[in-house]
């Protein structure tokens, strides 16, 4: 998996903060101060470990699900972009794709190579937008809803 934002619906705190060493020590102190006998304290400690394991497992599953949803949306947007590019080139600029012309497929391949080139160099979307602004005086802004 690539880099992605961890989603933590199990707590309003940062990921893994809900089971910090301080929180575990606080629970251990509460267990010790509860007046329970040793076997009851051990049972509570085992339950705490189980909760910690279940929480970690649930967070991992949530992270994987969120990443899969992100990848699906990215793939859909990628197809949408290249489809619109092909249709624009054909409709507005009368580019053709047939036995003698491969204009549309060549522009799609060129754009894909450019995307790969800048992605491999570590450019972010903002850095690329700044580059376009600097080179062509065209300001690209995200359409945030």
N, C-alpha and C. Protein backbone atom coordinates (compact mmCIF):
# COMPACT_ATOMS: atom_id res chain seq x y z
N UNK A 1 0.83 -1.18 0.00
CA UNK A 1 0.00 0.00 0.00
C UNK A 1 0.87 1.24 0.00
N UNK A 2 0.35 2.33 -0.55
CA UNK A 2 1.06 3.59 -0.59
C UNK A 2 0.79 4.42 0.65
N UNK A 3 1.19 5.67 0.58
CA UNK A 3 0.94 6.57 1.69
C UNK A 3 -0.51 6.98 1.68
N UNK A 4 -1.14 7.01 2.83
CA UNK A 4 -2.53 7.44 2.91
C UNK A 4 -2.82 7.89 4.32
N UNK A 5 -3.88 8.64 4.47
CA UNK A 5 -4.28 9.17 5.77
C UNK A 5 -5.00 8.08 6.55
N UNK A 6 -4.55 7.82 7.75
CA UNK A 6 -5.18 6.83 8.61
C UNK A 6 -6.51 7.37 9.10
N UNK A 7 -7.55 6.57 8.99
CA UNK A 7 -8.86 6.95 9.49
C UNK A 7 -9.09 6.22 10.80
N UNK A 8 -9.46 6.94 11.83
CA UNK A 8 -9.63 6.34 13.14
C UNK A 8 -11.02 6.69 13.65
N UNK A 9 -11.99 5.82 13.40
CA UNK A 9 -13.35 6.07 13.86
C UNK A 9 -13.56 5.53 15.26
N UNK A 10 -12.59 4.84 15.81
CA UNK A 10 -12.74 4.24 17.12
C UNK A 10 -12.44 5.24 18.23
N UNK A 11 -11.86 6.36 17.89
CA UNK A 11 -11.51 7.36 18.89
C UNK A 11 -11.43 8.72 18.21
N UNK A 12 -11.69 9.75 18.94
CA UNK A 12 -11.53 11.10 18.41
C UNK A 12 -10.08 11.55 18.51
N UNK A 13 -9.23 10.73 19.12
CA UNK A 13 -7.83 11.07 19.28
C UNK A 13 -7.06 10.59 18.06
N UNK A 14 -5.79 10.95 18.01
CA UNK A 14 -4.93 10.50 16.91
C UNK A 14 -4.81 8.99 16.96
N UNK A 15 -4.51 8.34 15.78
CA UNK A 15 -4.37 6.88 15.76
C UNK A 15 -3.36 6.41 16.79
N UNK A 16 -3.72 5.34 17.47
CA UNK A 16 -2.91 4.67 18.48
C UNK A 16 -2.75 5.47 19.76
N UNK A 17 -3.29 6.69 19.84
CA UNK A 17 -3.20 7.47 21.05
C UNK A 17 -4.12 6.90 22.13
N UNK A 18 -5.20 6.24 21.70
CA UNK A 18 -6.15 5.68 22.66
C UNK A 18 -5.55 4.54 23.45
N UNK A 19 -4.47 3.95 22.99
CA UNK A 19 -3.80 2.88 23.73
C UNK A 19 -2.36 3.28 24.01
N UNK A 20 -2.14 4.54 24.38
CA UNK A 20 -0.80 4.99 24.70
C UNK A 20 -0.36 4.33 26.00
N UNK A 21 0.92 4.42 26.29
CA UNK A 21 1.45 3.84 27.53
C UNK A 21 0.78 4.46 28.74
N UNK A 22 0.50 5.76 28.68
CA UNK A 22 -0.16 6.42 29.81
C UNK A 22 -1.56 5.87 30.03
N UNK A 23 -2.29 5.66 28.94
CA UNK A 23 -3.65 5.13 29.07
C UNK A 23 -3.62 3.72 29.65
N UNK A 24 -2.69 2.90 29.20
CA UNK A 24 -2.58 1.53 29.72
C UNK A 24 -2.20 1.56 31.19
N UNK A 25 -1.27 2.47 31.55
CA UNK A 25 -0.87 2.58 32.97
C UNK A 25 -2.03 3.07 33.82
N UNK A 26 -2.83 4.01 33.28
CA UNK A 26 -4.00 4.50 34.02
C UNK A 26 -4.99 3.36 34.29
N UNK A 27 -5.23 2.53 33.27
CA UNK A 27 -6.15 1.40 33.44
C UNK A 27 -5.56 0.41 34.43
N UNK A 28 -4.26 0.15 34.33
CA UNK A 28 -3.61 -0.77 35.27
C UNK A 28 -3.74 -0.24 36.70
N UNK A 29 -3.56 1.06 36.90
CA UNK A 29 -3.71 1.65 38.23
C UNK A 29 -5.15 1.50 38.73
N UNK A 30 -6.13 1.69 37.83
CA UNK A 30 -7.52 1.54 38.23
C UNK A 30 -7.82 0.09 38.61
N UNK A 31 -7.24 -0.86 37.87
CA UNK A 31 -7.44 -2.27 38.18
C UNK A 31 -6.85 -2.59 39.55
N UNK A 32 -5.62 -2.11 39.80
CA UNK A 32 -4.97 -2.37 41.09
C UNK A 32 -5.71 -1.71 42.24
N UNK A 33 -6.28 -0.54 41.99
CA UNK A 33 -6.97 0.19 43.05
C UNK A 33 -8.41 -0.29 43.24
N UNK A 34 -8.87 -1.19 42.39
CA UNK A 34 -10.27 -1.60 42.44
C UNK A 34 -10.58 -2.52 43.62
N UNK A 35 -9.55 -3.04 44.27
CA UNK A 35 -9.78 -3.91 45.41
C UNK A 35 -10.10 -5.34 44.99
N UNK A 36 -9.96 -5.63 43.70
CA UNK A 36 -10.21 -6.99 43.22
C UNK A 36 -9.05 -7.89 43.66
N UNK A 37 -9.32 -9.19 43.72
CA UNK A 37 -8.23 -10.09 44.05
C UNK A 37 -7.36 -10.32 42.81
N UNK A 38 -6.27 -11.03 42.98
CA UNK A 38 -5.28 -11.19 41.92
C UNK A 38 -5.87 -11.83 40.67
N UNK A 39 -6.67 -12.86 40.81
CA UNK A 39 -7.24 -13.53 39.63
C UNK A 39 -8.21 -12.61 38.89
N UNK A 40 -8.95 -11.81 39.63
CA UNK A 40 -9.87 -10.87 38.99
C UNK A 40 -9.08 -9.76 38.26
N UNK A 41 -7.97 -9.32 38.86
CA UNK A 41 -7.14 -8.31 38.19
C UNK A 41 -6.56 -8.88 36.90
N UNK A 42 -6.07 -10.13 36.96
CA UNK A 42 -5.52 -10.76 35.76
C UNK A 42 -6.57 -10.90 34.66
N UNK A 43 -7.80 -11.25 35.06
CA UNK A 43 -8.89 -11.36 34.09
C UNK A 43 -9.15 -10.01 33.43
N UNK A 44 -9.14 -8.94 34.21
CA UNK A 44 -9.32 -7.60 33.66
C UNK A 44 -8.16 -7.21 32.73
N UNK A 45 -6.94 -7.58 33.12
CA UNK A 45 -5.78 -7.27 32.26
C UNK A 45 -5.86 -8.02 30.94
N UNK A 46 -6.28 -9.31 30.99
CA UNK A 46 -6.46 -10.07 29.75
C UNK A 46 -7.52 -9.43 28.87
N UNK A 47 -8.59 -8.98 29.49
CA UNK A 47 -9.66 -8.31 28.74
C UNK A 47 -9.15 -7.04 28.08
N UNK A 48 -8.32 -6.31 28.81
CA UNK A 48 -7.73 -5.08 28.26
C UNK A 48 -6.87 -5.41 27.04
N UNK A 49 -6.06 -6.46 27.13
CA UNK A 49 -5.22 -6.86 25.98
C UNK A 49 -6.09 -7.28 24.81
N UNK A 50 -7.19 -8.00 25.09
CA UNK A 50 -8.10 -8.40 24.02
C UNK A 50 -8.71 -7.18 23.33
N UNK A 51 -9.13 -6.21 24.14
CA UNK A 51 -9.70 -4.98 23.58
C UNK A 51 -8.66 -4.27 22.72
N UNK A 52 -7.43 -4.21 23.21
CA UNK A 52 -6.36 -3.58 22.45
C UNK A 52 -6.14 -4.30 21.12
N UNK A 53 -6.12 -5.63 21.13
CA UNK A 53 -5.94 -6.40 19.89
C UNK A 53 -7.12 -6.22 18.94
N UNK A 54 -8.33 -6.25 19.47
CA UNK A 54 -9.52 -6.07 18.64
C UNK A 54 -9.52 -4.68 18.02
N UNK A 55 -9.17 -3.67 18.82
CA UNK A 55 -9.13 -2.30 18.32
C UNK A 55 -8.08 -2.16 17.22
N UNK A 56 -6.90 -2.72 17.43
CA UNK A 56 -5.84 -2.66 16.42
C UNK A 56 -6.28 -3.37 15.14
N UNK A 57 -6.92 -4.52 15.28
CA UNK A 57 -7.40 -5.27 14.11
C UNK A 57 -8.47 -4.47 13.36
N UNK A 58 -9.40 -3.88 14.10
CA UNK A 58 -10.47 -3.08 13.48
C UNK A 58 -9.88 -1.87 12.76
N UNK A 59 -8.89 -1.22 13.36
CA UNK A 59 -8.26 -0.06 12.72
C UNK A 59 -7.53 -0.48 11.45
N UNK A 60 -6.85 -1.61 11.48
CA UNK A 60 -6.13 -2.10 10.30
C UNK A 60 -7.13 -2.40 9.18
N UNK A 61 -8.25 -3.05 9.51
CA UNK A 61 -9.27 -3.36 8.52
C UNK A 61 -9.87 -2.07 7.94
N UNK A 62 -10.12 -1.10 8.79
CA UNK A 62 -10.66 0.19 8.34
C UNK A 62 -9.67 0.88 7.42
N UNK A 63 -8.39 0.89 7.78
CA UNK A 63 -7.37 1.50 6.94
C UNK A 63 -7.32 0.84 5.57
N UNK A 64 -7.37 -0.50 5.53
CA UNK A 64 -7.34 -1.22 4.26
C UNK A 64 -8.58 -0.91 3.43
N UNK A 65 -9.74 -0.85 4.06
CA UNK A 65 -10.97 -0.54 3.34
C UNK A 65 -10.94 0.88 2.78
N UNK A 66 -10.45 1.82 3.58
CA UNK A 66 -10.36 3.21 3.12
C UNK A 66 -9.38 3.32 1.96
N UNK A 67 -8.27 2.60 2.02
CA UNK A 67 -7.30 2.64 0.93
C UNK A 67 -7.90 2.05 -0.35
N UNK A 68 -8.64 0.94 -0.23
CA UNK A 68 -9.27 0.34 -1.40
C UNK A 68 -10.29 1.30 -2.02
N UNK A 69 -11.07 1.99 -1.19
CA UNK A 69 -12.04 2.97 -1.69
C UNK A 69 -11.32 4.14 -2.37
N UNK A 70 -10.24 4.59 -1.77
CA UNK A 70 -9.44 5.67 -2.36
C UNK A 70 -8.89 5.24 -3.72
N UNK A 71 -8.37 4.02 -3.82
CA UNK A 71 -7.80 3.52 -5.07
C UNK A 71 -8.89 3.40 -6.14
N UNK A 72 -10.07 2.93 -5.75
CA UNK A 72 -11.18 2.80 -6.70
C UNK A 72 -11.59 4.17 -7.25
N UNK A 73 -11.68 5.16 -6.37
CA UNK A 73 -12.05 6.51 -6.82
C UNK A 73 -10.96 7.11 -7.69
N UNK A 74 -9.72 6.86 -7.34
CA UNK A 74 -8.62 7.37 -8.15
C UNK A 74 -8.65 6.76 -9.55
N UNK A 75 -8.87 5.46 -9.65
CA UNK A 75 -8.97 4.80 -10.95
C UNK A 75 -10.11 5.37 -11.77
N UNK A 76 -11.25 5.61 -11.13
CA UNK A 76 -12.41 6.17 -11.83
C UNK A 76 -12.09 7.58 -12.34
N UNK A 77 -11.46 8.40 -11.50
CA UNK A 77 -11.10 9.76 -11.92
C UNK A 77 -10.08 9.76 -13.04
N UNK A 78 -9.16 8.82 -13.00
CA UNK A 78 -8.14 8.69 -14.05
C UNK A 78 -8.81 8.38 -15.38
N UNK A 79 -9.73 7.43 -15.39
CA UNK A 79 -10.47 7.10 -16.61
C UNK A 79 -11.29 8.29 -17.10
N UNK A 80 -11.94 8.97 -16.19
CA UNK A 80 -12.77 10.13 -16.53
C UNK A 80 -11.91 11.21 -17.19
N UNK A 81 -10.75 11.50 -16.60
CA UNK A 81 -9.86 12.52 -17.14
C UNK A 81 -9.41 12.17 -18.56
N UNK A 82 -8.91 10.95 -18.76
CA UNK A 82 -8.41 10.58 -20.08
C UNK A 82 -9.52 10.46 -21.11
N UNK A 83 -10.71 10.06 -20.68
CA UNK A 83 -11.85 10.02 -21.60
C UNK A 83 -12.21 11.44 -22.06
N UNK A 84 -12.25 12.36 -21.12
CA UNK A 84 -12.56 13.75 -21.47
C UNK A 84 -11.47 14.36 -22.36
N UNK A 85 -10.23 14.01 -22.09
CA UNK A 85 -9.13 14.49 -22.93
C UNK A 85 -9.31 14.00 -24.37
N UNK A 86 -9.58 12.72 -24.52
CA UNK A 86 -9.77 12.15 -25.87
C UNK A 86 -10.95 12.80 -26.58
N UNK A 87 -12.07 12.96 -25.88
CA UNK A 87 -13.25 13.57 -26.49
C UNK A 87 -13.01 15.04 -26.85
N UNK A 88 -12.29 15.76 -26.01
CA UNK A 88 -11.97 17.17 -26.32
C UNK A 88 -11.10 17.27 -27.56
N UNK A 89 -10.09 16.42 -27.64
CA UNK A 89 -9.20 16.47 -28.79
C UNK A 89 -9.95 16.13 -30.08
N UNK A 90 -10.88 15.20 -30.01
CA UNK A 90 -11.65 14.84 -31.20
C UNK A 90 -12.69 15.91 -31.54
N UNK A 91 -13.44 16.36 -30.56
CA UNK A 91 -14.54 17.30 -30.82
C UNK A 91 -14.06 18.72 -31.12
N UNK A 92 -13.13 19.22 -30.33
CA UNK A 92 -12.73 20.62 -30.48
C UNK A 92 -11.61 20.81 -31.49
N UNK A 93 -10.68 19.87 -31.55
CA UNK A 93 -9.51 20.05 -32.40
C UNK A 93 -9.49 19.10 -33.60
N UNK A 94 -10.54 18.32 -33.74
CA UNK A 94 -10.72 17.41 -34.88
C UNK A 94 -9.58 16.39 -35.01
N UNK A 95 -9.00 15.99 -33.88
CA UNK A 95 -8.00 14.94 -33.91
C UNK A 95 -8.70 13.63 -34.24
N UNK A 96 -7.96 12.72 -34.84
CA UNK A 96 -8.57 11.46 -35.26
C UNK A 96 -7.77 10.27 -34.74
N UNK A 97 -8.48 9.17 -34.67
CA UNK A 97 -7.88 7.89 -34.27
C UNK A 97 -8.42 6.85 -35.24
N UNK A 98 -7.62 6.50 -36.21
CA UNK A 98 -8.01 5.48 -37.18
C UNK A 98 -6.76 4.79 -37.71
N UNK A 99 -6.89 4.11 -38.84
CA UNK A 99 -5.74 3.35 -39.38
C UNK A 99 -4.55 4.23 -39.73
N UNK A 100 -4.81 5.47 -40.13
CA UNK A 100 -3.73 6.36 -40.56
C UNK A 100 -3.36 7.41 -39.52
N UNK A 101 -4.19 7.58 -38.52
CA UNK A 101 -3.93 8.59 -37.49
C UNK A 101 -4.00 7.95 -36.10
N UNK A 102 -3.03 8.27 -35.28
CA UNK A 102 -3.07 7.81 -33.89
C UNK A 102 -2.84 9.00 -32.95
N UNK A 103 -3.48 10.11 -33.29
CA UNK A 103 -3.27 11.34 -32.55
C UNK A 103 -3.78 11.24 -31.11
N UNK A 104 -4.97 10.71 -30.94
CA UNK A 104 -5.57 10.68 -29.60
C UNK A 104 -4.83 9.72 -28.68
N UNK A 105 -4.52 8.53 -29.17
CA UNK A 105 -3.79 7.58 -28.31
C UNK A 105 -2.39 8.10 -27.99
N UNK A 106 -1.78 8.83 -28.93
CA UNK A 106 -0.43 9.36 -28.65
C UNK A 106 -0.48 10.45 -27.58
N UNK A 107 -1.52 11.31 -27.58
CA UNK A 107 -1.59 12.33 -26.53
C UNK A 107 -1.87 11.69 -25.18
N UNK A 108 -2.71 10.65 -25.16
CA UNK A 108 -2.98 9.95 -23.90
C UNK A 108 -1.70 9.32 -23.36
N UNK A 109 -0.94 8.68 -24.23
CA UNK A 109 0.33 8.08 -23.82
C UNK A 109 1.31 9.14 -23.34
N UNK A 110 1.36 10.27 -24.03
CA UNK A 110 2.28 11.35 -23.64
C UNK A 110 1.92 11.92 -22.28
N UNK A 111 0.64 12.16 -22.06
CA UNK A 111 0.20 12.69 -20.77
C UNK A 111 0.48 11.68 -19.66
N UNK A 112 0.22 10.41 -19.94
CA UNK A 112 0.49 9.37 -18.94
C UNK A 112 1.98 9.32 -18.59
N UNK A 113 2.83 9.45 -19.58
CA UNK A 113 4.28 9.46 -19.33
C UNK A 113 4.68 10.69 -18.51
N UNK A 114 4.05 11.83 -18.80
CA UNK A 114 4.34 13.05 -18.05
C UNK A 114 3.90 12.90 -16.60
N UNK A 115 2.73 12.31 -16.38
CA UNK A 115 2.26 12.06 -15.02
C UNK A 115 3.26 11.17 -14.28
N UNK A 116 3.68 10.10 -14.92
CA UNK A 116 4.65 9.18 -14.31
C UNK A 116 5.98 9.87 -14.02
N UNK A 117 6.43 10.68 -14.95
CA UNK A 117 7.70 11.38 -14.80
C UNK A 117 7.69 12.26 -13.55
N UNK A 118 6.67 13.11 -13.43
CA UNK A 118 6.63 14.02 -12.29
C UNK A 118 6.30 13.29 -10.99
N UNK A 119 5.51 12.24 -11.06
CA UNK A 119 5.21 11.45 -9.86
C UNK A 119 6.49 10.77 -9.36
N UNK A 120 7.28 10.23 -10.27
CA UNK A 120 8.53 9.56 -9.89
C UNK A 120 9.56 10.55 -9.34
N UNK A 121 9.45 11.81 -9.74
CA UNK A 121 10.35 12.84 -9.21
C UNK A 121 9.85 13.38 -7.87
N UNK A 122 8.68 12.91 -7.43
CA UNK A 122 8.16 13.29 -6.12
C UNK A 122 7.36 14.58 -6.09
N UNK A 123 6.96 15.09 -7.25
CA UNK A 123 6.16 16.31 -7.27
C UNK A 123 4.78 16.06 -6.68
N UNK A 124 4.29 17.03 -5.94
CA UNK A 124 2.91 16.99 -5.46
C UNK A 124 2.03 17.72 -6.48
N UNK A 125 0.73 17.58 -6.33
CA UNK A 125 -0.20 18.28 -7.22
C UNK A 125 0.00 19.79 -7.11
N UNK A 126 0.20 20.28 -5.89
CA UNK A 126 0.40 21.72 -5.69
C UNK A 126 1.68 22.19 -6.37
N UNK A 127 2.73 21.41 -6.27
CA UNK A 127 3.99 21.79 -6.92
C UNK A 127 3.84 21.84 -8.43
N UNK A 128 3.10 20.89 -8.99
CA UNK A 128 2.86 20.90 -10.43
C UNK A 128 2.02 22.10 -10.83
N UNK A 129 0.99 22.41 -10.03
CA UNK A 129 0.16 23.58 -10.33
C UNK A 129 1.00 24.85 -10.27
N UNK A 130 1.92 24.94 -9.31
CA UNK A 130 2.81 26.10 -9.22
C UNK A 130 3.73 26.17 -10.43
N UNK A 131 4.21 25.03 -10.91
CA UNK A 131 5.06 24.98 -12.09
C UNK A 131 4.30 25.48 -13.33
N UNK A 132 3.06 25.05 -13.48
CA UNK A 132 2.23 25.51 -14.60
C UNK A 132 1.99 27.01 -14.49
N UNK A 133 1.74 27.49 -13.28
CA UNK A 133 1.53 28.92 -13.06
C UNK A 133 2.79 29.71 -13.45
N UNK A 134 3.93 29.21 -13.03
CA UNK A 134 5.20 29.90 -13.30
C UNK A 134 5.53 29.89 -14.80
N UNK A 135 5.36 28.74 -15.46
CA UNK A 135 5.75 28.62 -16.86
C UNK A 135 4.75 29.25 -17.83
N UNK A 136 3.46 29.14 -17.52
CA UNK A 136 2.45 29.56 -18.49
C UNK A 136 1.52 30.65 -17.99
N UNK A 137 1.69 31.07 -16.74
CA UNK A 137 0.81 32.07 -16.13
C UNK A 137 -0.65 31.60 -16.14
N UNK A 138 -0.83 30.31 -15.89
CA UNK A 138 -2.16 29.70 -15.77
C UNK A 138 -2.27 29.16 -14.35
N UNK A 139 -3.21 29.71 -13.60
CA UNK A 139 -3.39 29.28 -12.21
C UNK A 139 -4.44 28.18 -12.16
N UNK A 140 -4.02 27.01 -11.72
CA UNK A 140 -4.93 25.87 -11.54
C UNK A 140 -5.31 25.75 -10.08
N UNK A 141 -6.60 25.69 -9.81
CA UNK A 141 -7.08 25.58 -8.44
C UNK A 141 -7.98 24.37 -8.33
N UNK A 142 -7.92 23.67 -7.20
CA UNK A 142 -8.81 22.52 -7.02
C UNK A 142 -10.26 22.98 -6.86
N UNK A 143 -11.16 22.17 -7.34
CA UNK A 143 -12.58 22.45 -7.20
C UNK A 143 -13.06 21.75 -5.94
N UNK A 144 -12.99 22.48 -4.82
CA UNK A 144 -13.33 21.92 -3.52
C UNK A 144 -14.80 22.18 -3.25
N UNK A 145 -15.53 21.09 -2.97
CA UNK A 145 -16.96 21.24 -2.67
C UNK A 145 -17.19 21.38 -1.20
